[in-house]
């Protein structure tokens, strides 16, 4: 869960906050006048969010496919990796 921090404290502690995001994986929501205005998060998490958004933009049906896959798994219609590998040899 992201920690809340005022913009004035974030300004004073920016190097420490950057260290904590990098080394400890912590995230921060920066507040101005009590309202969120920015977020500080580990770079890997930021990249992951951008990649996810890119996938959602380039594959508009991806959510439908994921929901269908979830239903199929719940119904037992799936094959384990090991079983698929064996059947490919086969």
Protein backbone atom coordinates (compact mmCIF):
# COMPACT_ATOMS: atom_id res chain seq x y z
CA UNK A 1 0.00 0.00 0.00
CA UNK A 2 1.30 3.43 -0.89
CA UNK A 3 2.17 5.79 1.91
CA UNK A 4 0.76 9.32 1.91
CA UNK A 5 3.19 12.23 2.11
CA UNK A 6 2.74 15.98 1.69
CA UNK A 7 4.42 17.68 -1.22
CA UNK A 8 6.53 19.81 1.12
CA UNK A 9 7.83 16.72 2.97
CA UNK A 10 8.41 14.94 -0.34
CA UNK A 11 10.50 17.88 -1.52
CA UNK A 12 12.61 17.77 1.64
CA UNK A 13 13.01 13.99 1.55
CA UNK A 14 13.17 13.27 -2.19
CA UNK A 15 16.51 11.45 -2.13
CA UNK A 16 15.40 9.27 0.80
CA UNK A 17 12.04 8.54 -0.84
CA UNK A 18 13.78 7.58 -4.09
CA UNK A 19 16.09 5.25 -2.15
CA UNK A 20 13.11 3.63 -0.42
CA UNK A 21 11.30 3.07 -3.71
CA UNK A 22 14.39 1.56 -5.30
CA UNK A 23 15.70 -0.54 -2.42
CA UNK A 24 12.54 -1.38 -0.49
CA UNK A 25 9.91 -1.27 -3.24
CA UNK A 26 7.84 1.31 -1.37
CA UNK A 27 5.37 3.63 -3.11
CA UNK A 28 4.22 7.10 -2.11
CA UNK A 29 1.21 9.24 -2.93
CA UNK A 30 2.14 12.90 -2.83
CA UNK A 31 -0.52 15.26 -1.51
CA UNK A 32 -1.00 18.98 -2.10
CA UNK A 33 -3.64 20.66 0.03
CA UNK A 34 -4.74 17.18 1.10
CA UNK A 35 -5.39 15.98 -2.46
CA UNK A 36 -3.29 13.43 -4.38
CA UNK A 37 -1.26 15.13 -7.13
CA UNK A 38 1.49 12.64 -7.91
CA UNK A 39 2.86 9.21 -7.15
CA UNK A 40 6.38 7.95 -6.57
CA UNK A 41 6.84 4.26 -7.23
CA UNK A 42 9.58 1.79 -8.16
CA UNK A 43 10.60 2.14 -11.82
CA UNK A 44 9.89 -1.55 -12.52
CA UNK A 45 6.31 -1.06 -11.32
CA UNK A 46 5.96 2.02 -13.53
CA UNK A 47 7.23 0.08 -16.56
CA UNK A 48 4.84 -2.76 -15.78
CA UNK A 49 1.90 -0.35 -15.70
CA UNK A 50 2.92 1.14 -19.06
CA UNK A 51 3.28 -2.34 -20.61
CA UNK A 52 -0.15 -3.33 -19.30
CA UNK A 53 -1.72 -0.17 -20.74
CA UNK A 54 0.00 -0.82 -24.07
CA UNK A 55 -1.39 -4.36 -24.19
CA UNK A 56 -4.88 -3.12 -23.35
CA UNK A 57 -4.66 -0.48 -26.11
CA UNK A 58 -3.26 -2.78 -28.80
CA UNK A 59 -5.47 -5.79 -27.97
CA UNK A 60 -8.97 -4.46 -27.34
CA UNK A 61 -10.39 -7.98 -26.88
CA UNK A 62 -7.80 -9.03 -24.27
CA UNK A 63 -10.16 -8.57 -21.31
CA UNK A 64 -12.81 -10.72 -22.99
CA UNK A 65 -10.18 -13.38 -23.69
CA UNK A 66 -8.99 -13.30 -20.08
CA UNK A 67 -12.53 -13.64 -18.73
CA UNK A 68 -13.21 -16.55 -21.09
CA UNK A 69 -9.97 -18.22 -19.97
CA UNK A 70 -10.94 -17.77 -16.31
CA UNK A 71 -14.32 -19.43 -16.98
CA UNK A 72 -12.64 -22.31 -18.81
CA UNK A 73 -10.17 -22.85 -15.96
CA UNK A 74 -12.96 -22.74 -13.38
CA UNK A 75 -14.82 -25.36 -15.41
CA UNK A 76 -11.73 -27.57 -15.50
CA UNK A 77 -11.06 -27.06 -19.20
CA UNK A 78 -7.33 -26.54 -19.14
CA UNK A 79 -4.12 -28.44 -19.62
CA UNK A 80 -1.03 -28.22 -17.43
CA UNK A 81 2.26 -27.25 -19.01
CA UNK A 82 3.71 -30.71 -18.30
CA UNK A 83 0.75 -32.46 -19.91
CA UNK A 84 0.90 -30.18 -22.96
CA UNK A 85 4.62 -30.81 -23.32
CA UNK A 86 4.10 -34.60 -23.16
CA UNK A 87 1.30 -34.53 -25.74
CA UNK A 88 3.47 -32.47 -28.10
CA UNK A 89 6.20 -35.14 -27.97
CA UNK A 90 3.81 -37.66 -28.72
